[in-house]
Amino acid sequence: MIRDGYVARWQGREYQASPDGDDVRLYQPEPGDGFTEVHPGRHVRVVPVDEVDDLAYVRTTCTWQGQPFVVLAEHDGWLRVEYTGGRWPVAQAMRLEVFDFGVYQGWAPAAQVTDLREQRV
């Protein structure tokens, strides 16, 4: 599973999360005690940040064609990747899309990606 976002550990379970000042929004796909459905398959519960055991940003990184990337998404055997090497000539040679100033993204065949790992920031 490719993850890129906040996670929180609360009452022994890890949730997708979103910090919000002194609170943390916890998300899960199924209904649960104290969780409110925000749309089908997405339920939220707001808890005080001091009740959360751990809050971290998790992102998935990889290497593609010898260059470092962050994995943003996956679809049908492809990974949406963002180049983190910071060198325009490399991004240009790899035919990456200019997403924003200094931000280069593309689709990489999942079979060509190596060193796929999750990092907690």
PDB file of N, CA and C in Angstrom:
ATOM      1  N   MET A   1       0.845  -1.185   0.000  1.00  0.00           N
ATOM      2  CA  MET A   1       0.000   0.000   0.000  1.00  0.00           C
ATOM      3  C   MET A   1       0.888   1.246   0.000  1.00  0.00           C
ATOM      4  N   ILE A   2       0.591   2.175  -0.862  1.00  0.00           N
ATOM      5  CA  ILE A   2       1.341   3.423  -0.960  1.00  0.00           C
ATOM      6  C   ILE A   2       0.680   4.441  -0.042  1.00  0.00           C
ATOM      7  N   ARG A   3       1.472   4.994   0.880  1.00  0.00           N
ATOM      8  CA  ARG A   3       0.923   6.008   1.790  1.00  0.00           C
ATOM      9  C   ARG A   3       1.729   7.291   1.657  1.00  0.00           C
ATOM     10  N   ASP A   4       1.014   8.398   1.699  1.00  0.00           N
ATOM     11  CA  ASP A   4       1.628   9.722   1.682  1.00  0.00           C
ATOM     12  C   ASP A   4       0.697  10.653   2.443  1.00  0.00           C
ATOM     13  N   GLY A   5       0.947  10.801   3.736  1.00  0.00           N
ATOM     14  CA  GLY A   5       0.098  11.658   4.557  1.00  0.00           C
ATOM     15  C   GLY A   5       0.303  11.370   6.029  1.00  0.00           C
ATOM     16  N   TYR A   6      -0.466  12.060   6.858  1.00  0.00           N
ATOM     17  CA  TYR A   6      -0.362  11.890   8.303  1.00  0.00           C
ATOM     18  C   TYR A   6      -1.021  10.598   8.758  1.00  0.00           C
ATOM     19  N   VAL A   7      -0.424   9.991   9.778  1.00  0.00           N
ATOM     20  CA  VAL A   7      -1.008   8.848  10.471  1.00  0.00           C
ATOM     21  C   VAL A   7      -0.905   9.122  11.967  1.00  0.00           C
ATOM     22  N   ALA A   8      -1.866   8.587  12.719  1.00  0.00           N
ATOM     23  CA  ALA A   8      -1.863   8.749  14.175  1.00  0.00           C
ATOM     24  C   ALA A   8      -2.178   7.410  14.821  1.00  0.00           C
ATOM     25  N   ARG A   9      -1.543   7.153  15.950  1.00  0.00           N
ATOM     26  CA  ARG A   9      -1.852   5.968  16.742  1.00  0.00           C
ATOM     27  C   ARG A   9      -2.696   6.436  17.924  1.00  0.00           C
ATOM     28  N   TRP A  10      -3.896   5.856  18.014  1.00  0.00           N
ATOM     29  CA  TRP A  10      -4.842   6.211  19.077  1.00  0.00           C
ATOM     30  C   TRP A  10      -5.496   4.928  19.571  1.00  0.00           C
ATOM     31  N   GLN A  11      -5.458   4.714  20.855  1.00  0.00           N
ATOM     32  CA  GLN A  11      -6.045   3.538  21.498  1.00  0.00           C
ATOM     33  C   GLN A  11      -5.579   2.239  20.830  1.00  0.00           C
ATOM     34  N   GLY A  12      -4.275   2.178  20.521  1.00  0.00           N
ATOM     35  CA  GLY A  12      -3.672   0.957  19.997  1.00  0.00           C
ATOM     36  C   GLY A  12      -3.883   0.688  18.529  1.00  0.00           C
ATOM     37  N   ARG A  13      -4.471   1.637  17.798  1.00  0.00           N
ATOM     38  CA  ARG A  13      -4.726   1.444  16.373  1.00  0.00           C
ATOM     39  C   ARG A  13      -4.191   2.640  15.588  1.00  0.00           C
ATOM     40  N   GLU A  14      -3.711   2.369  14.368  1.00  0.00           N
ATOM     41  CA  GLU A  14      -3.214   3.455  13.522  1.00  0.00           C
ATOM     42  C   GLU A  14      -4.304   3.885  12.540  1.00  0.00           C
ATOM     43  N   TYR A  15      -4.442   5.194  12.384  1.00  0.00           N
ATOM     44  CA  TYR A  15      -5.456   5.790  11.513  1.00  0.00           C
ATOM     45  C   TYR A  15      -4.812   6.774  10.557  1.00  0.00           C
ATOM     46  N   GLN A  16      -5.430   6.974   9.392  1.00  0.00           N
ATOM     47  CA  GLN A  16      -5.104   8.152   8.599  1.00  0.00           C
ATOM     48  C   GLN A  16      -5.510   9.323   9.466  1.00  0.00           C
ATOM     49  N   ALA A  17      -4.752  10.427   9.391  1.00  0.00           N
ATOM     50  CA  ALA A  17      -5.026  11.525  10.312  1.00  0.00           C
ATOM     51  C   ALA A  17      -4.782  12.873   9.649  1.00  0.00           C
ATOM     52  N   SER A  18      -5.300  13.887  10.334  1.00  0.00           N
ATOM     53  CA  SER A  18      -5.094  15.263   9.910  1.00  0.00           C
ATOM     54  C   SER A  18      -5.006  16.130  11.155  1.00  0.00           C
ATOM     55  N   PRO A  19      -3.804  16.674  11.449  1.00  0.00           N
ATOM     56  CA  PRO A  19      -3.698  17.551  12.615  1.00  0.00           C
ATOM     57  C   PRO A  19      -4.487  18.831  12.388  1.00  0.00           C
ATOM     58  N   ASP A  20      -5.110  19.326  13.458  1.00  0.00           N
ATOM     59  CA  ASP A  20      -5.927  20.536  13.372  1.00  0.00           C
ATOM     60  C   ASP A  20      -5.807  21.291  14.687  1.00  0.00           C
ATOM     61  N   GLY A  21      -4.704  22.036  14.852  1.00  0.00           N
ATOM     62  CA  GLY A  21      -4.483  22.787  16.085  1.00  0.00           C
ATOM     63  C   GLY A  21      -4.279  21.858  17.262  1.00  0.00           C
ATOM     64  N   ASP A  22      -5.149  21.968  18.266  1.00  0.00           N
ATOM     65  CA  ASP A  22      -5.062  21.124  19.456  1.00  0.00           C
ATOM     66  C   ASP A  22      -5.787  19.789  19.282  1.00  0.00           C
ATOM     67  N   ASP A  23      -6.319  19.544  18.101  1.00  0.00           N
ATOM     68  CA  ASP A  23      -7.055  18.312  17.815  1.00  0.00           C
ATOM     69  C   ASP A  23      -6.402  17.549  16.667  1.00  0.00           C
ATOM     70  N   VAL A  24      -6.800  16.295  16.542  1.00  0.00           N
ATOM     71  CA  VAL A  24      -6.389  15.463  15.407  1.00  0.00           C
ATOM     72  C   VAL A  24      -7.642  14.789  14.867  1.00  0.00           C
ATOM     73  N   ARG A  25      -7.821  14.868  13.567  1.00  0.00           N
ATOM     74  CA  ARG A  25      -8.934  14.175  12.921  1.00  0.00           C
ATOM     75  C   ARG A  25      -8.446  12.773  12.537  1.00  0.00           C
ATOM     76  N   LEU A  26      -9.171  11.763  12.968  1.00  0.00           N
ATOM     77  CA  LEU A  26      -8.858  10.379  12.660  1.00  0.00           C
ATOM     78  C   LEU A  26      -9.849   9.882  11.620  1.00  0.00           C
ATOM     79  N   TYR A  27      -9.361   9.135  10.633  1.00  0.00           N
ATOM     80  CA  TYR A  27     -10.216   8.647   9.552  1.00  0.00           C
ATOM     81  C   TYR A  27     -10.139   7.130   9.458  1.00  0.00           C
ATOM     82  N   GLN A  28     -11.296   6.516   9.159  1.00  0.00           N
ATOM     83  CA  GLN A  28     -11.345   5.085   8.895  1.00  0.00           C
ATOM     84  C   GLN A  28     -12.441   4.816   7.877  1.00  0.00           C
ATOM     85  N   PRO A  29     -12.338   3.696   7.155  1.00  0.00           N
ATOM     86  CA  PRO A  29     -13.336   3.418   6.113  1.00  0.00           C
ATOM     87  C   PRO A  29     -14.662   2.886   6.647  1.00  0.00           C
ATOM     88  N   GLU A  30     -14.648   2.274   7.834  1.00  0.00           N
ATOM     89  CA  GLU A  30     -15.869   1.672   8.363  1.00  0.00           C
ATOM     90  C   GLU A  30     -16.455   2.521   9.487  1.00  0.00           C
ATOM     91  N   PRO A  31     -17.767   2.349   9.760  1.00  0.00           N
ATOM     92  CA  PRO A  31     -18.372   3.056  10.888  1.00  0.00           C
ATOM     93  C   PRO A  31     -17.725   2.598  12.203  1.00  0.00           C
ATOM     94  N   GLY A  32     -17.781   3.431  13.217  1.00  0.00           N
ATOM     95  CA  GLY A  32     -17.240   3.081  14.527  1.00  0.00           C
ATOM     96  C   GLY A  32     -17.776   4.016  15.594  1.00  0.00           C
ATOM     97  N   ASP A  33     -17.630   3.617  16.838  1.00  0.00           N
ATOM     98  CA  ASP A  33     -18.101   4.406  17.959  1.00  0.00           C
ATOM     99  C   ASP A  33     -17.435   5.777  17.967  1.00  0.00           C
ATOM    100  N   GLY A  34     -18.227   6.828  17.905  1.00  0.00           N
ATOM    101  CA  GLY A  34     -17.704   8.189  17.920  1.00  0.00           C
ATOM    102  C   GLY A  34     -17.276   8.707  16.560  1.00  0.00           C
ATOM    103  N   PHE A  35     -17.361   7.887  15.517  1.00  0.00           N
ATOM    104  CA  PHE A  35     -16.990   8.300  14.162  1.00  0.00           C
ATOM    105  C   PHE A  35     -18.238   8.731  13.398  1.00  0.00           C
ATOM    106  N   THR A  36     -18.111   9.802  12.638  1.00  0.00           N
ATOM    107  CA  THR A  36     -19.201  10.338  11.838  1.00  0.00           C
ATOM    108  C   THR A  36     -18.892  10.119  10.362  1.00  0.00           C
ATOM    109  N   GLU A  37     -19.868   9.643   9.625  1.00  0.00           N
ATOM    110  CA  GLU A  37     -19.674   9.429   8.189  1.00  0.00           C
ATOM    111  C   GLU A  37     -19.638  10.775   7.469  1.00  0.00           C
ATOM    112  N   VAL A  38     -18.556  11.044   6.753  1.00  0.00           N
ATOM    113  CA  VAL A  38     -18.456  12.283   5.974  1.00  0.00           C
ATOM    114  C   VAL A  38     -18.808  12.034   4.518  1.00  0.00           C
ATOM    115  N   HIS A  39     -18.636  10.824   4.041  1.00  0.00           N
ATOM    116  CA  HIS A  39     -19.168  10.326   2.779  1.00  0.00           C
ATOM    117  C   HIS A  39     -18.981   8.812   2.794  1.00  0.00           C
ATOM    118  N   PRO A  40     -19.629   8.086   1.910  1.00  0.00           N
ATOM    119  CA  PRO A  40     -19.549   6.625   1.961  1.00  0.00           C
ATOM    120  C   PRO A  40     -18.088   6.129   1.982  1.00  0.00           C
ATOM    121  N   GLY A  41     -17.799   5.288   2.961  1.00  0.00           N
ATOM    122  CA  GLY A  41     -16.457   4.736   3.085  1.00  0.00           C
ATOM    123  C   GLY A  41     -15.457   5.639   3.760  1.00  0.00           C
ATOM    124  N   ARG A  42     -15.913   6.749   4.354  1.00  0.00           N
ATOM    125  CA  ARG A  42     -15.010   7.689   5.030  1.00  0.00           C
ATOM    126  C   ARG A  42     -15.685   8.205   6.298  1.00  0.00           C
ATOM    127  N   HIS A  43     -15.102   7.858   7.448  1.00  0.00           N
ATOM    128  CA  HIS A  43     -15.648   8.239   8.742  1.00  0.00           C
ATOM    129  C   HIS A  43     -14.575   8.979   9.527  1.00  0.00           C
ATOM    130  N   VAL A  44     -14.972   9.994  10.266  1.00  0.00           N
ATOM    131  CA  VAL A  44     -14.019  10.840  10.987  1.00  0.00           C
ATOM    132  C   VAL A  44     -14.395  10.938  12.462  1.00  0.00           C
ATOM    133  N   ARG A  45     -13.375  11.030  13.270  1.00  0.00           N
ATOM    134  CA  ARG A  45     -13.549  11.310  14.693  1.00  0.00           C
ATOM    135  C   ARG A  45     -12.467  12.304  15.082  1.00  0.00           C
ATOM    136  N   VAL A  46     -12.843  13.351  15.821  1.00  0.00           N
ATOM    137  CA  VAL A  46     -11.893  14.363  16.267  1.00  0.00           C
ATOM    138  C   VAL A  46     -11.551  14.077  17.726  1.00  0.00           C
ATOM    139  N   VAL A  47     -10.233  13.987  18.004  1.00  0.00           N
ATOM    140  CA  VAL A  47      -9.764  13.739  19.374  1.00  0.00           C
ATOM    141  C   VAL A  47      -8.712  14.786  19.731  1.00  0.00           C
ATOM    142  N   PRO A  48      -8.571  15.094  21.015  1.00  0.00           N
ATOM    143  CA  PRO A  48      -7.512  16.021  21.429  1.00  0.00           C
ATOM    144  C   PRO A  48      -6.133  15.438  21.118  1.00  0.00           C
ATOM    145  N   VAL A  49      -5.223  16.279  20.684  1.00  0.00           N
ATOM    146  CA  VAL A  49      -3.893  15.817  20.295  1.00  0.00           C
ATOM    147  C   VAL A  49      -3.181  15.118  21.452  1.00  0.00           C
ATOM    148  N   ASP A  50      -3.456  15.508  22.694  1.00  0.00           N
ATOM    149  CA  ASP A  50      -2.775  14.880  23.825  1.00  0.00           C
ATOM    150  C   ASP A  50      -3.285  13.465  24.111  1.00  0.00           C
ATOM    151  N   GLU A  51      -4.365  13.028  23.445  1.00  0.00           N
ATOM    152  CA  GLU A  51      -4.835  11.649  23.568  1.00  0.00           C
ATOM    153  C   GLU A  51      -4.189  10.718  22.533  1.00  0.00           C
ATOM    154  N   VAL A  52      -3.491  11.300  21.571  1.00  0.00           N
ATOM    155  CA  VAL A  52      -2.867  10.529  20.496  1.00  0.00           C
ATOM    156  C   VAL A  52      -1.484  10.066  20.960  1.00  0.00           C
ATOM    157  N   ASP A  53      -1.209   8.769  20.774  1.00  0.00           N
ATOM    158  CA  ASP A  53       0.069   8.203  21.194  1.00  0.00           C
ATOM    159  C   ASP A  53       1.218   8.577  20.257  1.00  0.00           C
ATOM    160  N   ASP A  54       0.915   8.715  18.974  1.00  0.00           N
ATOM    161  CA  ASP A  54       1.953   9.025  17.982  1.00  0.00           C
ATOM    162  C   ASP A  54       1.302   9.724  16.801  1.00  0.00           C
ATOM    163  N   LEU A  55       1.971  10.727  16.276  1.00  0.00           N
ATOM    164  CA  LEU A  55       1.512  11.439  15.085  1.00  0.00           C
ATOM    165  C   LEU A  55       2.729  11.645  14.200  1.00  0.00           C
ATOM    166  N   ALA A  56       2.650  11.169  12.966  1.00  0.00           N
ATOM    167  CA  ALA A  56       3.795  11.268  12.058  1.00  0.00           C
ATOM    168  C   ALA A  56       3.305  11.448  10.629  1.00  0.00           C
ATOM    169  N   TYR A  57       4.207  11.950   9.797  1.00  0.00           N
ATOM    170  CA  TYR A  57       3.929  12.029   8.369  1.00  0.00           C
ATOM    171  C   TYR A  57       4.617  10.842   7.718  1.00  0.00           C
ATOM    172  N   VAL A  58       3.879  10.072   6.964  1.00  0.00           N
ATOM    173  CA  VAL A  58       4.419   8.888   6.304  1.00  0.00           C
ATOM    174  C   VAL A  58       4.423   9.133   4.805  1.00  0.00           C
ATOM    175  N   ARG A  59       5.550   8.798   4.190  1.00  0.00           N
ATOM    176  CA  ARG A  59       5.604   8.887   2.732  1.00  0.00           C
ATOM    177  C   ARG A  59       6.366   7.694   2.202  1.00  0.00           C
ATOM    178  N   THR A  60       6.046   7.332   0.977  1.00  0.00           N
ATOM    179  CA  THR A  60       6.688   6.201   0.327  1.00  0.00           C
ATOM    180  C   THR A  60       7.694   6.747  -0.679  1.00  0.00           C
ATOM    181  N   THR A  61       8.917   6.236  -0.609  1.00  0.00           N
ATOM    182  CA  THR A  61       9.967   6.673  -1.518  1.00  0.00           C
ATOM    183  C   THR A  61      10.420   5.497  -2.377  1.00  0.00           C
ATOM    184  N   CYS A  62      11.122   5.817  -3.449  1.00  0.00           N
ATOM    185  CA  CYS A  62      11.626   4.772  -4.327  1.00  0.00           C
ATOM    186  C   CYS A  62      12.773   5.322  -5.174  1.00  0.00           C
ATOM    187  N   THR A  63      13.357   4.431  -5.929  1.00  0.00           N
ATOM    188  CA  THR A  63      14.359   4.798  -6.929  1.00  0.00           C
ATOM    189  C   THR A  63      13.828   4.336  -8.280  1.00  0.00           C
ATOM    190  N   TRP A  64      13.930   5.212  -9.266  1.00  0.00           N
ATOM    191  CA  TRP A  64      13.527   4.861 -10.632  1.00  0.00           C
ATOM    192  C   TRP A  64      14.598   5.401 -11.567  1.00  0.00           C
ATOM    193  N   GLN A  65      15.093   4.552 -12.407  1.00  0.00           N
ATOM    194  CA  GLN A  65      16.169   4.905 -13.346  1.00  0.00           C
ATOM    195  C   GLN A  65      17.341   5.554 -12.605  1.00  0.00           C
ATOM    196  N   GLY A  66      17.630   5.053 -11.411  1.00  0.00           N
ATOM    197  CA  GLY A  66      18.762   5.536 -10.626  1.00  0.00           C
ATOM    198  C   GLY A  66      18.543   6.856  -9.912  1.00  0.00           C
ATOM    199  N   GLN A  67      17.323   7.383  -9.946  1.00  0.00           N
ATOM    200  CA  GLN A  67      17.028   8.683  -9.356  1.00  0.00           C
ATOM    201  C   GLN A  67      16.035   8.537  -8.202  1.00  0.00           C
ATOM    202  N   PRO A  68      16.082   9.464  -7.221  1.00  0.00           N
ATOM    203  CA  PRO A  68      15.180   9.388  -6.060  1.00  0.00           C
ATOM    204  C   PRO A  68      13.812  10.016  -6.336  1.00  0.00           C
ATOM    205  N   PHE A  69      12.780   9.345  -5.830  1.00  0.00           N
ATOM    206  CA  PHE A  69      11.405   9.814  -6.008  1.00  0.00           C
ATOM    207  C   PHE A  69      10.579   9.581  -4.752  1.00  0.00           C
ATOM    208  N   VAL A  70       9.500  10.345  -4.633  1.00  0.00           N
ATOM    209  CA  VAL A  70       8.433  10.093  -3.675  1.00  0.00           C
ATOM    210  C   VAL A  70       7.280   9.521  -4.484  1.00  0.00           C
ATOM    211  N   VAL A  71       6.635   8.501  -3.950  1.00  0.00           N
ATOM    212  CA  VAL A  71       5.492   7.891  -4.632  1.00  0.00           C
ATOM    213  C   VAL A  71       4.221   8.565  -4.126  1.00  0.00           C
ATOM    214  N   LEU A  72       3.441   9.103  -5.042  1.00  0.00           N
ATOM    215  CA  LEU A  72       2.223   9.825  -4.691  1.00  0.00           C
ATOM    216  C   LEU A  72       0.968   8.968  -4.806  1.00  0.00           C
ATOM    217  N   ALA A  73       0.979   8.021  -5.748  1.00  0.00           N
ATOM    218  CA  ALA A  73      -0.215   7.202  -5.984  1.00  0.00           C
ATOM    219  C   ALA A  73       0.179   5.982  -6.809  1.00  0.00           C
ATOM    220  N   GLU A  74      -0.754   5.048  -6.904  1.00  0.00           N
ATOM    221  CA  GLU A  74      -0.552   3.880  -7.763  1.00  0.00           C
ATOM    222  C   GLU A  74      -1.835   3.601  -8.518  1.00  0.00           C
ATOM    223  N   HIS A  75      -1.675   3.105  -9.755  1.00  0.00           N
ATOM    224  CA  HIS A  75      -2.847   2.769 -10.561  1.00  0.00           C
ATOM    225  C   HIS A  75      -2.450   1.776 -11.645  1.00  0.00           C
ATOM    226  N   ASP A  76      -3.078   0.620 -11.584  1.00  0.00           N
ATOM    227  CA  ASP A  76      -2.992  -0.354 -12.671  1.00  0.00           C
ATOM    228  C   ASP A  76      -1.547  -0.660 -13.101  1.00  0.00           C
ATOM    229  N   GLY A  77      -0.662  -0.924 -12.134  1.00  0.00           N
ATOM    230  CA  GLY A  77       0.711  -1.290 -12.452  1.00  0.00           C
ATOM    231  C   GLY A  77       1.649  -0.111 -12.671  1.00  0.00           C
ATOM    232  N   TRP A  78       1.154   1.101 -12.431  1.00  0.00           N
ATOM    233  CA  TRP A  78       1.965   2.314 -12.589  1.00  0.00           C
ATOM    234  C   TRP A  78       2.004   3.068 -11.263  1.00  0.00           C
ATOM    235  N   LEU A  79       3.085   3.797 -11.030  1.00  0.00           N
ATOM    236  CA  LEU A  79       3.211   4.637  -9.841  1.00  0.00           C
ATOM    237  C   LEU A  79       3.345   6.084 -10.263  1.00  0.00           C
ATOM    238  N   ARG A  80       2.586   6.959  -9.632  1.00  0.00           N
ATOM    239  CA  ARG A  80       2.735   8.401  -9.844  1.00  0.00           C
ATOM    240  C   ARG A  80       3.869   8.828  -8.928  1.00  0.00           C
ATOM    241  N   VAL A  81       4.946   9.363  -9.509  1.00  0.00           N
ATOM    242  CA  VAL A  81       6.143   9.681  -8.740  1.00  0.00           C
ATOM    243  C   VAL A  81       6.529  11.148  -8.908  1.00  0.00           C
ATOM    244  N   GLU A  82       7.199  11.665  -7.876  1.00  0.00           N
ATOM    245  CA  GLU A  82       7.695  13.036  -7.896  1.00  0.00           C
ATOM    246  C   GLU A  82       9.197  12.995  -7.639  1.00  0.00           C
ATOM    247  N   TYR A  83       9.944  13.559  -8.541  1.00  0.00           N
ATOM    248  CA  TYR A  83      11.405  13.565  -8.483  1.00  0.00           C
ATOM    249  C   TYR A  83      11.888  14.431  -7.325  1.00  0.00           C
ATOM    250  N   THR A  84      12.803  13.902  -6.516  1.00  0.00           N
ATOM    251  CA  THR A  84      13.324  14.651  -5.372  1.00  0.00           C
ATOM    252  C   THR A  84      14.808  14.975  -5.517  1.00  0.00           C
ATOM    253  N   GLY A  85      15.372  14.720  -6.682  1.00  0.00           N
ATOM    254  CA  GLY A  85      16.798  14.974  -6.896  1.00  0.00           C
ATOM    255  C   GLY A  85      17.139  16.435  -7.126  1.00  0.00           C
ATOM    256  N   GLY A  86      16.147  17.239  -7.510  1.00  0.00           N
ATOM    257  CA  GLY A  86      16.352  18.681  -7.637  1.00  0.00           C
ATOM    258  C   GLY A  86      17.178  19.144  -8.833  1.00  0.00           C
ATOM    259  N   ARG A  87      17.393  18.298  -9.808  1.00  0.00           N
ATOM    260  CA  ARG A  87      18.216  18.693 -10.967  1.00  0.00           C
ATOM    261  C   ARG A  87      17.365  18.717 -12.227  1.00  0.00           C
ATOM    262  N   TRP A  88      17.137  19.922 -12.750  1.00  0.00           N
ATOM    263  CA  TRP A  88      16.308  20.103 -13.936  1.00  0.00           C
ATOM    264  C   TRP A  88      16.799  19.295 -15.127  1.00  0.00           C
ATOM    265  N   PRO A  89      18.110  19.261 -15.424  1.00  0.00           N
ATOM    266  CA  PRO A  89      18.541  18.475 -16.586  1.00  0.00           C
ATOM    267  C   PRO A  89      18.168  16.985 -16.471  1.00  0.00           C
ATOM    268  N   VAL A  90      18.220  16.443 -15.266  1.00  0.00           N
ATOM    269  CA  VAL A  90      17.834  15.042 -15.067  1.00  0.00           C
ATOM    270  C   VAL A  90      16.335  14.886 -15.300  1.00  0.00           C
ATOM    271  N   ALA A  91      15.532  15.770 -14.697  1.00  0.00           N
ATOM    272  CA  ALA A  91      14.079  15.717 -14.873  1.00  0.00           C
ATOM    273  C   ALA A  91      13.710  15.846 -16.348  1.00  0.00           C
ATOM    274  N   GLN A  92      14.382  16.722 -17.039  1.00  0.00           N
ATOM    275  CA  GLN A  92      14.113  16.933 -18.463  1.00  0.00           C
ATOM    276  C   GLN A  92      14.486  15.695 -19.266  1.00  0.00           C
ATOM    277  N   ALA A  93      15.643  15.111 -18.982  1.00  0.00           N
ATOM    278  CA  ALA A  93      16.084  13.910 -19.697  1.00  0.00           C
ATOM    279  C   ALA A  93      15.134  12.735 -19.455  1.00  0.00           C
ATOM    280  N   MET A  94      14.506  12.696 -18.292  1.00  0.00           N
ATOM    281  CA  MET A  94      13.560  11.627 -17.978  1.00  0.00           C
ATOM    282  C   MET A  94      12.157  11.932 -18.513  1.00  0.00           C
ATOM    283  N   ARG A  95      12.014  13.083 -19.134  1.00  0.00           N
ATOM    284  CA  ARG A  95      10.731  13.520 -19.701  1.00  0.00           C
ATOM    285  C   ARG A  95       9.625  13.624 -18.654  1.00  0.00           C
ATOM    286  N   LEU A  96      10.002  14.131 -17.472  1.00  0.00           N
ATOM    287  CA  LEU A  96       9.026  14.331 -16.413  1.00  0.00           C
ATOM    288  C   LEU A  96       8.221  15.591 -16.692  1.00  0.00           C
ATOM    289  N   GLU A  97       7.000  15.617 -16.198  1.00  0.00           N
ATOM    290  CA  GLU A  97       6.134  16.781 -16.355  1.00  0.00           C
ATOM    291  C   GLU A  97       6.511  17.835 -15.319  1.00  0.00           C
ATOM    292  N   VAL A  98       6.501  19.107 -15.739  1.00  0.00           N
ATOM    293  CA  VAL A  98       6.698  20.201 -14.789  1.00  0.00           C
ATOM    294  C   VAL A  98       5.354  20.437 -14.121  1.00  0.00           C
ATOM    295  N   PHE A  99       5.269  20.069 -12.851  1.00  0.00           N
ATOM    296  CA  PHE A  99       4.023  20.202 -12.108  1.00  0.00           C
ATOM    297  C   PHE A  99       3.905  21.601 -11.516  1.00  0.00           C
ATOM    298  N   ASP A 100       5.035  22.137 -11.065  1.00  0.00           N
ATOM    299  CA  ASP A 100       5.140  23.472 -10.483  1.00  0.00           C
ATOM    300  C   ASP A 100       6.609  23.849 -10.576  1.00  0.00           C
ATOM    301  N   PHE A 101       6.959  25.050 -10.207  1.00  0.00           N
ATOM    302  CA  PHE A 101       8.351  25.466 -10.259  1.00  0.00           C
ATOM    303  C   PHE A 101       9.212  24.526  -9.407  1.00  0.00           C
ATOM    304  N   GLY A 102      10.134  23.823 -10.026  1.00  0.00           N
ATOM    305  CA  GLY A 102      11.028  22.911  -9.323  1.00  0.00           C
ATOM    306  C   GLY A 102      10.404  21.594  -8.915  1.00  0.00           C
ATOM    307  N   VAL A 103       9.170  21.321  -9.359  1.00  0.00           N
ATOM    308  CA  VAL A 103       8.478  20.084  -9.018  1.00  0.00           C
ATOM    309  C   VAL A 103       8.220  19.316 -10.313  1.00  0.00           C
ATOM    310  N   TYR A 104       8.759  18.087 -10.374  1.00  0.00           N
ATOM    311  CA  TYR A 104       8.678  17.275 -11.592  1.00  0.00           C
ATOM    312  C   TYR A 104       8.053  15.929 -11.264  1.00  0.00           C
ATOM    313  N   GLN A 105       7.024  15.562 -12.022  1.00  0.00           N
ATOM    314  CA  GLN A 105       6.300  14.324 -11.774  1.00  0.00           C
ATOM    315  C   GLN A 105       6.154  13.509 -13.051  1.00  0.00           C
ATOM    316  N   GLY A 106       5.869  12.235 -12.858  1.00  0.00           N
ATOM    317  CA  GLY A 106       5.623  11.354 -13.985  1.00  0.00           C
ATOM    318  C   GLY A 106       5.012  10.052 -13.524  1.00  0.00           C
ATOM    319  N   TRP A 107       4.741   9.174 -14.486  1.00  0.00           N
ATOM    320  CA  TRP A 107       4.229   7.838 -14.212  1.00  0.00           C
ATOM    321  C   TRP A 107       5.341   6.842 -14.501  1.00  0.00           C
ATOM    322  N   ALA A 108       5.654   6.009 -13.520  1.00  0.00           N
ATOM    323  CA  ALA A 108       6.701   5.001 -13.653  1.00  0.00           C
ATOM    324  C   ALA A 108       6.074   3.617 -13.630  1.00  0.00           C
ATOM    325  N   PRO A 109       6.491   2.730 -14.533  1.00  0.00           N
ATOM    326  CA  PRO A 109       6.013   1.346 -14.439  1.00  0.00           C
ATOM    327  C   PRO A 109       6.468   0.748 -13.099  1.00  0.00           C
ATOM    328  N   ALA A 110       5.546   0.225 -12.326  1.00  0.00           N
ATOM    329  CA  ALA A 110       5.877  -0.297 -10.997  1.00  0.00           C
ATOM    330  C   ALA A 110       6.980  -1.357 -11.059  1.00  0.00           C
ATOM    331  N   ALA A 111       7.033  -2.117 -12.123  1.00  0.00           N
ATOM    332  CA  ALA A 111       8.044  -3.166 -12.263  1.00  0.00           C
ATOM    333  C   ALA A 111       9.457  -2.600 -12.416  1.00  0.00           C
ATOM    334  N   GLN A 112       9.588  -1.329 -12.783  1.00  0.00           N
ATOM    335  CA  GLN A 112      10.906  -0.711 -12.969  1.00  0.00           C
ATOM    336  C   GLN A 112      11.395   0.044 -11.735  1.00  0.00           C
ATOM    337  N   VAL A 113      10.572   0.125 -10.713  1.00  0.00           N
ATOM    338  CA  VAL A 113      10.903   0.876  -9.503  1.00  0.00           C
ATOM    339  C   VAL A 113      11.617  -0.044  -8.512  1.00  0.00           C
ATOM    340  N   THR A 114      12.655   0.491  -7.862  1.00  0.00           N
ATOM    341  CA  THR A 114      13.377  -0.269  -6.844  1.00  0.00           C
ATOM    342  C   THR A 114      13.379   0.515  -5.531  1.00  0.00           C
ATOM    343  N   ASP A 115      13.858  -0.119  -4.490  1.00  0.00           N
ATOM    344  CA  ASP A 115      14.002   0.516  -3.168  1.00  0.00           C
ATOM    345  C   ASP A 115      12.703   1.134  -2.667  1.00  0.00           C
ATOM    346  N   LEU A 116      11.574   0.517  -2.963  1.00  0.00           N
ATOM    347  CA  LEU A 116      10.281   1.021  -2.500  1.00  0.00           C
ATOM    348  C   LEU A 116      10.208   0.839  -0.995  1.00  0.00           C
ATOM    349  N   ARG A 117      10.070   1.952  -0.264  1.00  0.00           N
ATOM    350  CA  ARG A 117      10.017   1.876   1.210  1.00  0.00           C
ATOM    351  C   ARG A 117       9.212   3.020   1.784  1.00  0.00           C
ATOM    352  N   GLU A 118       8.700   2.762   2.968  1.00  0.00           N
ATOM    353  CA  GLU A 118       7.921   3.767   3.669  1.00  0.00           C
ATOM    354  C   GLU A 118       8.812   4.459   4.685  1.00  0.00           C
ATOM    355  N   GLN A 119       8.712   5.788   4.758  1.00  0.00           N
ATOM    356  CA  GLN A 119       9.497   6.566   5.705  1.00  0.00           C
ATOM    357  C   GLN A 119       8.565   7.410   6.568  1.00  0.00           C
ATOM    358  N   ARG A 120       8.865   7.436   7.860  1.00  0.00           N
ATOM    359  CA  ARG A 120       8.131   8.291   8.788  1.00  0.00           C
ATOM    360  C   ARG A 120       8.954   9.557   8.997  1.00  0.00           C
ATOM    361  N   VAL A 121       8.306  10.676   8.778  1.00  0.00           N
ATOM    362  CA  VAL A 121       8.997  11.959   8.879  1.00  0.00           C
ATOM    363  C   VAL A 121       8.554  12.660  10.148  1.00  0.00           C
TER     364      VAL A 121
END
